Amino acid sequence: MSAHLDEVLLRQSLDAAGFTEVAAVRYRSLLDEAHEALDAGGVGRDGRRAWIAPGRIEVLGKHVDYAGGRSLLCTVERGIVMVVRPRNDGVVTVRDARRREVLTLPVHALPKKGQVPWSVYPRTVIQRLVHNFGDAVRGADIALASNLPPAAGVSSSSALTVGLTSALTAISDINALPAWRTTITDRAAFAGYVGALENGTTFGALTGERGVGTMGGAQDQTAILCSAPGRLDVFAWAPVRHERSVPWPATHCFVVGVSGVIAAKTGSAKERYNRAARTAHHLVAAWNAGAGMPEPARTLREAFEQAALQAGPDGIVGEVPSSLIDTARRSATDEFSAHHLVARLEQFFDETYALVPGAAEALNRGDVAAFGAVVDRSQAGAERALENQIAETVHLQRYARELGANAASAFGAGFGGSVWAMISRDDAETFMGRWRDRYQRVHPKAAARATFFVTSPSPPAFEVVDA
């Protein structure tokens, strides 16, 4: 450890947060790297502060957040650390300790194009904060270090935006301003704001500004900010609402298989990623055009609720309301076939009203077999309706189940990403080796870039210590 890190305070902070010893050791190493990057840049050691923002696992809840559905989430024991020191010249520098890349971003004269591909995230954070809070936004020297696999579905990009937004609002005292305090009243609201920051939408009184170009919701940011260690959390969306928390069995862990297929969200890949969201928005617009309701539905969930109200007391019981099915079929276009639209309705309905509640209840009563069966249904629904699964993640999920995993599912944006598998802790290392070997035999090219790691539900993002 570097001499300027207070080892005792750091250990106490990480222990109090609930990290395992293994995770704490890794985070201490990352913090050391970030401090050393600032040292190498000649940044003073006084006044430094540090944040940790973990990645997340979308256990269930595929592409439902922007549509108002439900998700079952947790964080992983890997993440991004940031060490930050304020500066008074209105410039933010961001140093990536591992890539050895440095961004220089004048707060009030941001460049239109990025110096490196990932610069879109700090530029978007700064741009939105200046748009909402003006001259309050201070400059800073920021160094980051990460052990999250990038573009792998574990939310490395959202961890970056959560960490940057947390740090810049804290050092600028933005969270003391009336505009902040009246709109961002708790961590769930903060997660909603960072989600809006990424997708460019308005959040309460804080008007929108250009986001990163993806049409996601606030699922990733909420998991990163609001999850509990040792548990899985059910959240509902638009707005963010915490519904329940269920224990993760101490006898089990997650093994995450990162496919090695990059889940890109830029260029033409961005349009493929946004297709699932565009489908949901198309369905809502079609419903509003023909439903004749006093107030238009804003999300697919609200469209379901309105259709159920029209259908009477048995509206949402076990199937999609027929009026929504009819609407979907009538609204088919060259881009969205009737089959695709109905399949998307069914996937959203199943995930939101059956699978997420069913999985949470199965875990709550300790029924691992029932949990695995529910997860299999979610995976099948994604393959059938979302059009974003690839052979590598489909096969990883199948192999995991065949090799004895209690449950397994692909997660992330799609068109790449990762698969999580639930396995007994005693069997995790053996399982991981067999899983990796089987993947290597069938998909050697992707497997050359793949990574596998063991994790458990971990603490949410937080400020570590004054460093």
Protein backbone atom coordinates (compact mmCIF):
# COMPACT_ATOMS: atom_id res chain seq x y z
CA MET A 1 0.00 0.00 0.00
CA SER A 2 1.15 3.57 -0.62
CA ALA A 3 2.19 5.53 2.42
CA HIS A 4 -0.51 8.15 1.90
CA LEU A 5 -3.34 5.63 2.27
CA ASP A 6 -4.51 5.31 5.89
CA GLU A 7 -4.63 1.52 6.10
CA VAL A 8 -6.66 1.39 9.31
CA LEU A 9 -9.34 3.83 8.16
CA LEU A 10 -9.56 2.13 4.79
CA ARG A 11 -9.99 -1.32 6.30
CA GLN A 12 -12.65 -0.01 8.67
CA SER A 13 -14.55 1.66 5.83
CA LEU A 14 -14.53 -1.44 3.62
CA ASP A 15 -15.42 -3.75 6.52
CA ALA A 16 -18.30 -1.49 7.57
CA ALA A 17 -19.66 -1.54 4.02
CA GLY A 18 -19.90 -5.33 4.14
CA PHE A 19 -17.20 -6.42 1.68
CA THR A 20 -15.68 -9.87 1.93
CA GLU A 21 -11.98 -9.94 2.69
CA VAL A 22 -11.18 -11.01 -0.89
CA ALA A 23 -13.17 -8.11 -2.35
CA ALA A 24 -11.68 -5.67 0.15
CA VAL A 25 -8.13 -6.67 -0.79
CA ARG A 26 -8.92 -6.14 -4.48
CA TYR A 27 -10.46 -2.73 -3.84
CA ARG A 28 -7.49 -1.64 -1.73
CA SER A 29 -5.22 -2.54 -4.65
CA LEU A 30 -7.38 -0.56 -7.10
CA LEU A 31 -7.41 2.45 -4.77
CA ASP A 32 -3.64 2.26 -4.58
CA GLU A 33 -3.42 2.29 -8.39
CA ALA A 34 -5.68 5.33 -8.61
CA HIS A 35 -3.69 7.24 -6.00
CA GLU A 36 -0.49 6.43 -7.82
CA ALA A 37 -1.96 7.72 -11.09
CA LEU A 38 -2.67 11.07 -9.41
CA ASP A 39 0.82 11.05 -7.92
CA ALA A 40 2.30 10.50 -11.38
CA GLY A 41 0.30 13.47 -12.67
CA GLY A 42 1.71 15.75 -9.98
CA VAL A 43 -1.62 16.09 -8.17
CA GLY A 44 -1.34 17.03 -4.50
CA ARG A 45 -2.23 14.45 -1.89
CA ASP A 46 -4.24 16.77 0.34
CA GLY A 47 -8.01 16.91 -0.09
CA ARG A 48 -8.38 13.63 -1.95
CA ARG A 49 -11.62 11.65 -1.62
CA ALA A 50 -12.43 8.16 -2.87
CA TRP A 51 -15.52 6.32 -4.19
CA ILE A 52 -16.31 2.72 -5.12
CA ALA A 53 -19.00 1.91 -7.72
CA PRO A 54 -19.56 -1.84 -8.29
CA GLY A 55 -20.86 -3.63 -11.33
CA ARG A 56 -24.17 -5.47 -11.20
CA ILE A 57 -25.94 -8.68 -12.15
CA GLU A 58 -29.37 -8.44 -13.72
CA VAL A 59 -30.66 -11.68 -12.20
CA LEU A 60 -34.04 -11.20 -13.90
CA GLY A 61 -35.79 -8.29 -15.56
CA LYS A 62 -34.50 -8.23 -19.11
CA HIS A 63 -35.23 -4.94 -20.91
CA VAL A 64 -38.12 -3.93 -18.65
CA ASP A 65 -36.85 -0.90 -16.74
CA TYR A 66 -37.58 1.78 -19.35
CA ALA A 67 -41.00 0.11 -19.81
CA GLY A 68 -41.94 0.31 -16.12
CA GLY A 69 -41.50 -3.37 -15.27
CA ARG A 70 -39.76 -5.21 -12.43
CA SER A 71 -36.20 -6.51 -12.00
CA LEU A 72 -34.33 -8.72 -9.54
CA LEU A 73 -30.83 -7.34 -9.02
CA CYS A 74 -27.60 -7.38 -7.05
CA THR A 75 -24.09 -5.99 -7.32
CA VAL A 76 -20.88 -7.95 -7.89
CA GLU A 77 -17.65 -7.93 -5.90
CA ARG A 78 -15.86 -6.02 -8.65
CA GLY A 79 -16.11 -2.40 -9.64
CA ILE A 80 -14.55 0.96 -10.42
CA VAL A 81 -12.74 3.07 -7.85
CA MET A 82 -12.22 6.80 -8.21
CA VAL A 83 -9.88 9.04 -6.29
CA VAL A 84 -10.81 12.69 -6.68
CA ARG A 85 -9.25 16.01 -5.74
CA PRO A 86 -11.06 19.33 -6.41
CA ARG A 87 -9.45 22.03 -8.51
CA ASN A 88 -10.40 25.65 -9.05
CA ASP A 89 -9.77 26.24 -12.76
CA GLY A 90 -12.97 24.69 -14.14
CA VAL A 91 -11.18 21.73 -15.70
CA VAL A 92 -11.83 18.04 -15.09
CA THR A 93 -9.00 15.66 -15.82
CA VAL A 94 -9.75 11.94 -15.81
CA ARG A 95 -6.85 9.49 -15.62
CA ASP A 96 -7.39 5.82 -16.30
CA ALA A 97 -4.75 4.16 -14.15
CA ARG A 98 -4.75 0.93 -16.15
CA ARG A 99 -5.10 2.20 -19.71
CA ARG A 100 -2.68 5.08 -19.03
CA GLU A 101 -5.09 7.45 -20.78
CA VAL A 102 -5.82 11.02 -19.68
CA LEU A 103 -8.84 13.15 -20.61
CA THR A 104 -8.85 16.92 -20.20
CA LEU A 105 -12.36 18.35 -20.13
CA PRO A 106 -13.02 22.09 -19.57
CA VAL A 107 -16.31 22.11 -17.64
CA HIS A 108 -17.84 24.99 -19.60
CA ALA A 109 -16.25 24.32 -23.00
CA LEU A 110 -16.57 20.59 -23.52
CA PRO A 111 -15.22 19.18 -26.79
CA LYS A 112 -17.89 17.80 -29.11
CA LYS A 113 -15.94 14.65 -29.80
CA GLY A 114 -14.16 12.39 -27.39
CA GLN A 115 -10.43 11.89 -27.14
CA VAL A 116 -10.99 8.16 -26.46
CA PRO A 117 -14.15 6.03 -26.91
CA TRP A 118 -15.08 5.97 -23.23
CA SER A 119 -14.87 9.78 -22.97
CA VAL A 120 -18.58 9.95 -23.86
CA TYR A 121 -19.39 9.04 -20.25
CA PRO A 122 -17.47 11.79 -18.40
CA ARG A 123 -18.48 14.31 -21.08
CA THR A 124 -22.16 13.35 -20.64
CA VAL A 125 -21.97 13.58 -16.85
CA ILE A 126 -20.33 17.02 -16.92
CA GLN A 127 -22.65 18.31 -19.63
CA ARG A 128 -25.78 17.27 -17.75
CA LEU A 129 -24.57 18.63 -14.40
CA VAL A 130 -23.70 21.97 -15.97
CA HIS A 131 -27.07 22.02 -17.76
CA ASN A 132 -28.90 21.46 -14.47
CA PHE A 133 -26.64 23.25 -11.98
CA GLY A 134 -24.53 25.73 -13.97
CA ASP A 135 -21.54 27.36 -12.35
CA ALA A 136 -21.80 25.18 -9.24
CA VAL A 137 -19.92 22.40 -11.05
CA ARG A 138 -16.25 22.41 -10.02
CA GLY A 139 -13.22 21.07 -11.78
CA ALA A 140 -11.41 18.04 -10.44
CA ASP A 141 -8.49 15.70 -10.90
CA ILE A 142 -9.93 12.19 -11.08
CA ALA A 143 -8.08 8.90 -11.30
CA LEU A 144 -9.97 5.67 -11.85
CA ALA A 145 -9.06 2.00 -11.75
CA SER A 146 -11.36 -0.90 -12.53
CA ASN A 147 -11.44 -4.69 -12.36
CA LEU A 148 -14.78 -4.91 -14.18
CA PRO A 149 -14.66 -6.51 -17.63
CA PRO A 150 -15.69 -3.76 -20.11
CA ALA A 151 -18.67 -4.09 -22.47
CA ALA A 152 -19.58 -7.39 -20.81
CA GLY A 153 -23.07 -6.73 -19.45
CA VAL A 154 -21.95 -6.14 -15.86
CA SER A 155 -22.57 -2.38 -16.17
CA SER A 156 -19.04 -1.03 -16.30
CA SER A 157 -20.34 2.08 -18.12
CA SER A 158 -23.06 2.79 -15.55
CA ALA A 159 -20.60 2.18 -12.72
CA LEU A 160 -18.45 4.87 -14.33
CA THR A 161 -21.31 7.37 -14.60
CA VAL A 162 -22.51 6.63 -11.05
CA GLY A 163 -19.00 7.14 -9.69
CA LEU A 164 -18.38 10.32 -11.66
CA THR A 165 -21.76 11.83 -10.78
CA SER A 166 -21.33 10.93 -7.10
CA ALA A 167 -17.88 12.47 -6.97
CA LEU A 168 -18.57 15.68 -8.92
CA THR A 169 -21.81 16.46 -7.08
CA ALA A 170 -20.09 15.87 -3.73
CA ILE A 171 -16.99 17.98 -4.31
CA SER A 172 -19.14 20.76 -5.83
CA ASP A 173 -21.68 20.66 -2.96
CA ILE A 174 -24.42 20.35 -5.58
CA ASN A 175 -26.37 18.06 -3.26
CA ALA A 176 -26.88 21.06 -0.95
CA LEU A 177 -28.61 23.17 -3.63
CA PRO A 178 -32.41 23.61 -3.44
CA ALA A 179 -32.89 22.27 -7.00
CA TRP A 180 -31.12 19.06 -5.96
CA ARG A 181 -32.71 18.67 -2.54
CA THR A 182 -36.28 19.07 -3.77
CA THR A 183 -35.86 16.58 -6.64
CA ILE A 184 -33.28 14.05 -5.47
CA THR A 185 -34.61 13.09 -2.06
CA ASP A 186 -32.96 9.68 -1.55
CA ARG A 187 -30.65 7.15 -3.17
CA ALA A 188 -33.42 5.73 -5.35
CA ALA A 189 -34.11 9.19 -6.74
CA PHE A 190 -30.38 9.70 -7.28
CA ALA A 191 -30.31 6.44 -9.24
CA GLY A 192 -33.24 7.67 -11.32
CA TYR A 193 -31.40 10.91 -12.02
CA VAL A 194 -28.22 9.14 -13.15
CA GLY A 195 -30.37 6.92 -15.38
CA ALA A 196 -31.93 10.04 -16.90
CA LEU A 197 -28.47 11.54 -17.27
CA GLU A 198 -27.42 8.54 -19.35
CA ASN A 199 -30.52 8.40 -21.56
CA GLY A 200 -30.92 12.17 -21.86
CA THR A 201 -34.42 12.48 -20.39
CA THR A 202 -35.82 15.00 -17.93
CA PHE A 203 -35.93 13.98 -14.27
CA GLY A 204 -38.47 15.93 -12.25
CA ALA A 205 -37.52 19.59 -12.40
CA LEU A 206 -34.07 18.76 -13.80
CA THR A 207 -34.43 19.05 -17.57
CA GLY A 208 -32.84 16.64 -19.98
CA GLU A 209 -29.68 17.06 -22.01
CA ARG A 210 -28.04 14.84 -24.61
CA GLY A 211 -27.24 11.46 -23.05
CA VAL A 212 -24.93 8.70 -24.21
CA GLY A 213 -27.30 7.62 -27.00
CA THR A 214 -28.85 4.51 -25.48
CA MET A 215 -32.54 4.20 -24.56
CA GLY A 216 -32.12 2.37 -21.26
CA GLY A 217 -33.84 3.06 -17.97
CA ALA A 218 -32.44 3.23 -14.45
CA GLN A 219 -31.94 -0.46 -13.71
CA ASP A 220 -28.15 -0.49 -13.71
CA GLN A 221 -27.79 2.72 -11.73
CA THR A 222 -30.33 1.56 -9.14
CA ALA A 223 -28.61 -1.78 -8.63
CA ILE A 224 -25.27 -0.03 -8.22
CA LEU A 225 -26.59 2.52 -5.71
CA CYS A 226 -29.34 0.68 -3.83
CA SER A 227 -28.57 -3.05 -3.61
CA ALA A 228 -27.90 -4.78 -0.29
CA PRO A 229 -25.01 -7.17 0.41
CA GLY A 230 -26.03 -10.79 0.74
CA ARG A 231 -29.45 -10.20 -0.76
CA LEU A 232 -31.28 -9.79 -4.04
CA ASP A 233 -33.53 -6.77 -4.43
CA VAL A 234 -36.76 -6.36 -6.40
CA PHE A 235 -37.19 -2.93 -7.96
CA ALA A 236 -40.04 -1.54 -10.02
CA TRP A 237 -39.41 1.20 -12.56
CA ALA A 238 -40.55 4.56 -13.89
CA PRO A 239 -40.27 5.82 -11.19
CA VAL A 240 -37.75 3.73 -9.23
CA ARG A 241 -39.41 1.86 -6.36
CA HIS A 242 -37.89 -0.74 -4.05
CA GLU A 243 -40.45 -3.52 -3.53
CA ARG A 244 -38.71 -6.20 -1.51
CA SER A 245 -35.41 -7.77 -0.57
CA VAL A 246 -34.80 -11.52 -0.32
CA PRO A 247 -31.84 -13.42 1.12
CA TRP A 248 -29.30 -15.01 -1.17
CA PRO A 249 -28.44 -18.47 0.23
CA ALA A 250 -25.07 -18.37 1.99
CA THR A 251 -24.34 -21.86 0.65
CA HIS A 252 -24.32 -20.61 -2.94
CA CYS A 253 -22.54 -18.07 -5.11
CA PHE A 254 -22.65 -16.71 -8.63
CA VAL A 255 -20.15 -17.77 -11.25
CA VAL A 256 -20.14 -15.20 -14.06
CA GLY A 257 -19.04 -16.22 -17.52
CA VAL A 258 -18.13 -13.22 -19.68
CA SER A 259 -18.67 -14.44 -23.24
CA GLY A 260 -15.86 -12.47 -24.84
CA VAL A 261 -18.29 -11.08 -27.41
CA ILE A 262 -18.24 -7.31 -26.94
CA ALA A 263 -21.68 -5.90 -26.10
CA ALA A 264 -21.10 -2.62 -27.94
CA LYS A 265 -23.52 0.30 -27.66
CA THR A 266 -22.10 2.63 -30.27
CA GLY A 267 -22.64 3.07 -34.01
CA SER A 268 -24.86 0.48 -35.67
CA ALA A 269 -24.72 -1.67 -32.52
CA LYS A 270 -26.47 1.14 -30.65
CA GLU A 271 -29.46 0.86 -32.97
CA ARG A 272 -29.68 -2.89 -32.40
CA TYR A 273 -29.48 -2.34 -28.64
CA ASN A 274 -32.21 0.32 -28.78
CA ARG A 275 -34.58 -1.88 -30.81
CA ALA A 276 -36.08 -3.51 -27.72
CA ALA A 277 -36.81 -0.08 -26.27
CA ARG A 278 -38.23 1.18 -29.56
CA THR A 279 -40.57 -1.83 -29.63
CA ALA A 280 -41.88 -0.95 -26.17
CA HIS A 281 -42.35 2.71 -27.12
CA HIS A 282 -44.14 1.69 -30.32
CA LEU A 283 -46.58 -0.46 -28.32
CA VAL A 284 -47.31 2.35 -25.87
CA ALA A 285 -47.91 4.84 -28.69
CA ALA A 286 -50.25 2.38 -30.44
CA TRP A 287 -52.19 1.80 -27.22
CA ASN A 288 -52.56 5.53 -26.58
CA ALA A 289 -53.77 6.11 -30.12
CA GLY A 290 -56.67 3.71 -29.76
CA ALA A 291 -57.48 3.21 -26.09
CA GLY A 292 -59.43 6.40 -25.50
CA MET A 293 -58.17 6.77 -21.92
CA PRO A 294 -58.33 10.18 -20.17
CA GLU A 295 -54.55 10.19 -19.62
CA PRO A 296 -52.02 8.60 -22.01
CA ALA A 297 -49.92 5.73 -20.72
CA ARG A 298 -46.28 6.69 -20.28
CA THR A 299 -44.89 3.17 -20.05
CA LEU A 300 -45.82 -0.34 -21.08
CA ARG A 301 -46.73 -1.07 -17.46
CA GLU A 302 -49.24 1.78 -17.47
CA ALA A 303 -50.68 0.48 -20.74
CA PHE A 304 -51.11 -2.93 -19.07
CA GLU A 305 -52.81 -1.32 -16.08
CA GLN A 306 -55.19 0.65 -18.29
CA ALA A 307 -56.02 -2.46 -20.33
CA ALA A 308 -56.66 -4.38 -17.12
CA LEU A 309 -58.94 -1.62 -15.84
CA GLN A 310 -60.95 -1.80 -19.04
CA ALA A 311 -61.16 -5.60 -18.74
CA GLY A 312 -62.66 -5.49 -15.25
CA PRO A 313 -61.70 -7.08 -11.91
CA ASP A 314 -59.90 -10.03 -13.53
CA GLY A 315 -57.77 -7.81 -15.79
CA ILE A 316 -54.18 -8.88 -15.05
CA VAL A 317 -54.31 -12.43 -13.76
CA GLY A 318 -52.35 -14.83 -15.90
CA GLU A 319 -52.15 -13.48 -19.42
CA VAL A 320 -51.76 -10.33 -21.48
CA PRO A 321 -55.10 -8.45 -21.80
CA SER A 322 -56.67 -9.23 -25.16
CA SER A 323 -57.09 -5.54 -25.95
CA LEU A 324 -53.32 -5.09 -25.87
CA ILE A 325 -52.82 -8.14 -28.09
CA ASP A 326 -55.29 -6.69 -30.58
CA THR A 327 -53.56 -3.31 -30.44
CA ALA A 328 -50.19 -4.91 -31.10
CA ARG A 329 -51.43 -6.81 -34.13
CA ARG A 330 -53.14 -3.77 -35.64
CA SER A 331 -50.03 -1.63 -35.18
CA ALA A 332 -47.65 -3.93 -37.08
CA THR A 333 -45.25 -2.20 -39.49
CA ASP A 334 -42.42 -3.18 -41.77
CA GLU A 335 -40.05 -2.72 -38.84
CA PHE A 336 -42.21 -4.37 -36.17
CA SER A 337 -44.11 -7.48 -37.26
CA ALA A 338 -47.27 -8.56 -35.43
CA HIS A 339 -45.46 -11.67 -34.22
CA HIS A 340 -42.59 -9.61 -32.80
CA LEU A 341 -44.91 -7.14 -31.06
CA VAL A 342 -47.03 -9.83 -29.42
CA ALA A 343 -43.94 -11.76 -28.33
CA ARG A 344 -42.53 -8.60 -26.73
CA LEU A 345 -45.80 -8.00 -24.86
CA GLU A 346 -45.71 -11.55 -23.54
CA GLN A 347 -42.05 -11.30 -22.52
CA PHE A 348 -42.66 -8.05 -20.62
CA PHE A 349 -45.79 -9.46 -18.97
CA ASP A 350 -44.11 -12.69 -17.90
CA GLU A 351 -40.97 -11.00 -16.59
CA THR A 352 -42.81 -8.28 -14.68
CA TYR A 353 -45.88 -10.01 -13.31
CA ALA A 354 -44.82 -13.66 -13.00
CA LEU A 355 -41.10 -14.40 -13.19
CA VAL A 356 -39.53 -11.69 -11.01
CA PRO A 357 -42.13 -12.11 -8.21
CA GLY A 358 -41.96 -15.90 -8.54
CA ALA A 359 -38.17 -16.00 -8.39
CA ALA A 360 -38.08 -13.72 -5.35
CA GLU A 361 -40.63 -15.86 -3.55
CA ALA A 362 -38.77 -19.07 -4.40
CA LEU A 363 -35.54 -17.67 -2.93
CA ASN A 364 -37.38 -16.34 0.10
CA ARG A 365 -38.58 -19.85 0.98
CA GLY A 366 -35.23 -21.41 0.05
CA ASP A 367 -36.56 -23.38 -2.92
CA VAL A 368 -33.54 -23.38 -5.23
CA ALA A 369 -35.09 -25.83 -7.71
CA ALA A 370 -38.15 -23.62 -8.19
CA PHE A 371 -35.89 -20.60 -8.60
CA GLY A 372 -33.97 -22.37 -11.35
CA ALA A 373 -37.16 -23.29 -13.20
CA VAL A 374 -38.36 -19.68 -13.17
CA VAL A 375 -35.00 -18.46 -14.47
CA ASP A 376 -35.15 -20.96 -17.33
CA ARG A 377 -38.49 -19.45 -18.37
CA SER A 378 -36.94 -15.97 -18.37
CA GLN A 379 -34.07 -17.11 -20.57
CA ALA A 380 -36.50 -18.76 -23.00
CA GLY A 381 -38.57 -15.57 -23.16
CA ALA A 382 -35.51 -13.49 -24.00
CA GLU A 383 -34.49 -15.87 -26.76
CA ARG A 384 -37.99 -15.85 -28.19
CA ALA A 385 -38.89 -12.16 -27.98
CA LEU A 386 -35.94 -9.80 -27.54
CA GLU A 387 -33.97 -10.73 -30.65
CA ASN A 388 -30.75 -9.89 -28.84
CA GLN A 389 -29.39 -13.27 -27.80
CA ILE A 390 -26.36 -14.76 -29.54
CA ALA A 391 -25.09 -18.32 -29.83
CA GLU A 392 -22.29 -17.75 -27.31
CA THR A 393 -24.53 -16.60 -24.44
CA VAL A 394 -27.27 -19.09 -25.30
CA HIS A 395 -24.74 -21.91 -25.21
CA LEU A 396 -23.12 -20.66 -21.99
CA GLN A 397 -26.52 -20.76 -20.31
CA ARG A 398 -27.23 -24.27 -21.59
CA TYR A 399 -23.81 -25.57 -20.61
CA ALA A 400 -24.15 -24.14 -17.11
CA ARG A 401 -27.40 -26.01 -16.53
CA GLU A 402 -26.06 -29.22 -18.04
CA LEU A 403 -23.00 -29.02 -15.80
CA GLY A 404 -25.11 -28.76 -12.66
CA ALA A 405 -25.82 -25.08 -12.07
CA ASN A 406 -28.98 -24.56 -10.02
CA ALA A 407 -29.95 -21.66 -12.29
CA ALA A 408 -28.37 -19.70 -15.14
CA SER A 409 -29.27 -16.78 -17.36
CA ALA A 410 -27.76 -14.42 -19.89
CA PHE A 411 -27.80 -10.79 -18.79
CA GLY A 412 -26.84 -7.35 -20.01
CA ALA A 413 -27.68 -5.40 -23.13
CA GLY A 414 -27.64 -8.39 -25.43
CA PHE A 415 -25.65 -9.06 -28.63
CA GLY A 416 -22.85 -10.19 -26.35
CA GLY A 417 -22.32 -9.87 -22.63
CA SER A 418 -22.34 -12.47 -19.90
CA VAL A 419 -24.15 -15.36 -18.24
CA TRP A 420 -24.53 -15.90 -14.51
CA ALA A 421 -24.76 -19.35 -12.96
CA MET A 422 -25.89 -20.24 -9.43
CA ILE A 423 -23.76 -22.97 -7.89
CA SER A 424 -22.83 -24.34 -4.47
CA ARG A 425 -19.80 -22.53 -3.04
CA ASP A 426 -18.08 -25.87 -2.47
CA ASP A 427 -18.37 -26.70 -6.16
CA ALA A 428 -17.73 -23.25 -7.64
CA GLU A 429 -14.09 -23.59 -8.68
CA THR A 430 -14.55 -27.05 -10.20
CA PHE A 431 -17.72 -25.94 -11.99
CA MET A 432 -16.03 -22.80 -13.32
CA GLY A 433 -13.17 -24.79 -14.81
CA ARG A 434 -15.50 -27.29 -16.51
CA TRP A 435 -17.74 -24.47 -17.77
CA ARG A 436 -14.77 -22.59 -19.22
CA ASP A 437 -13.36 -25.74 -20.85
CA ARG A 438 -16.63 -26.63 -22.54
CA TYR A 439 -17.07 -23.09 -23.85
CA GLN A 440 -13.50 -23.12 -25.14
CA ARG A 441 -14.13 -26.29 -27.17
CA VAL A 442 -17.22 -24.91 -28.93
CA HIS A 443 -16.40 -21.18 -29.21
CA PRO A 444 -12.58 -20.95 -29.20
CA LYS A 445 -12.39 -17.48 -30.78
CA ALA A 446 -14.74 -15.83 -28.26
CA ALA A 447 -13.33 -17.91 -25.40
CA ALA A 448 -9.89 -16.42 -26.02
CA ARG A 449 -11.35 -13.10 -24.80
CA ALA A 450 -13.66 -14.60 -22.18
CA THR A 451 -13.26 -14.34 -18.42
CA PHE A 452 -14.93 -16.23 -15.59
CA PHE A 453 -15.17 -15.16 -11.96
CA VAL A 454 -16.93 -16.04 -8.71
CA THR A 455 -18.94 -13.44 -6.83
CA SER A 456 -21.73 -12.91 -4.32
CA PRO A 457 -24.24 -10.06 -3.82
CA SER A 458 -22.07 -7.18 -2.65
CA PRO A 459 -22.47 -3.67 -1.15
CA PRO A 460 -23.67 -0.70 -3.25
CA ALA A 461 -21.64 2.33 -4.31
CA PHE A 462 -20.32 4.56 -1.54
CA GLU A 463 -17.65 7.07 -0.58
CA VAL A 464 -14.83 5.15 1.02
CA VAL A 465 -12.84 7.52 3.25
CA ASP A 466 -11.28 10.95 2.96
CA ALA A 467 -8.02 9.86 1.40
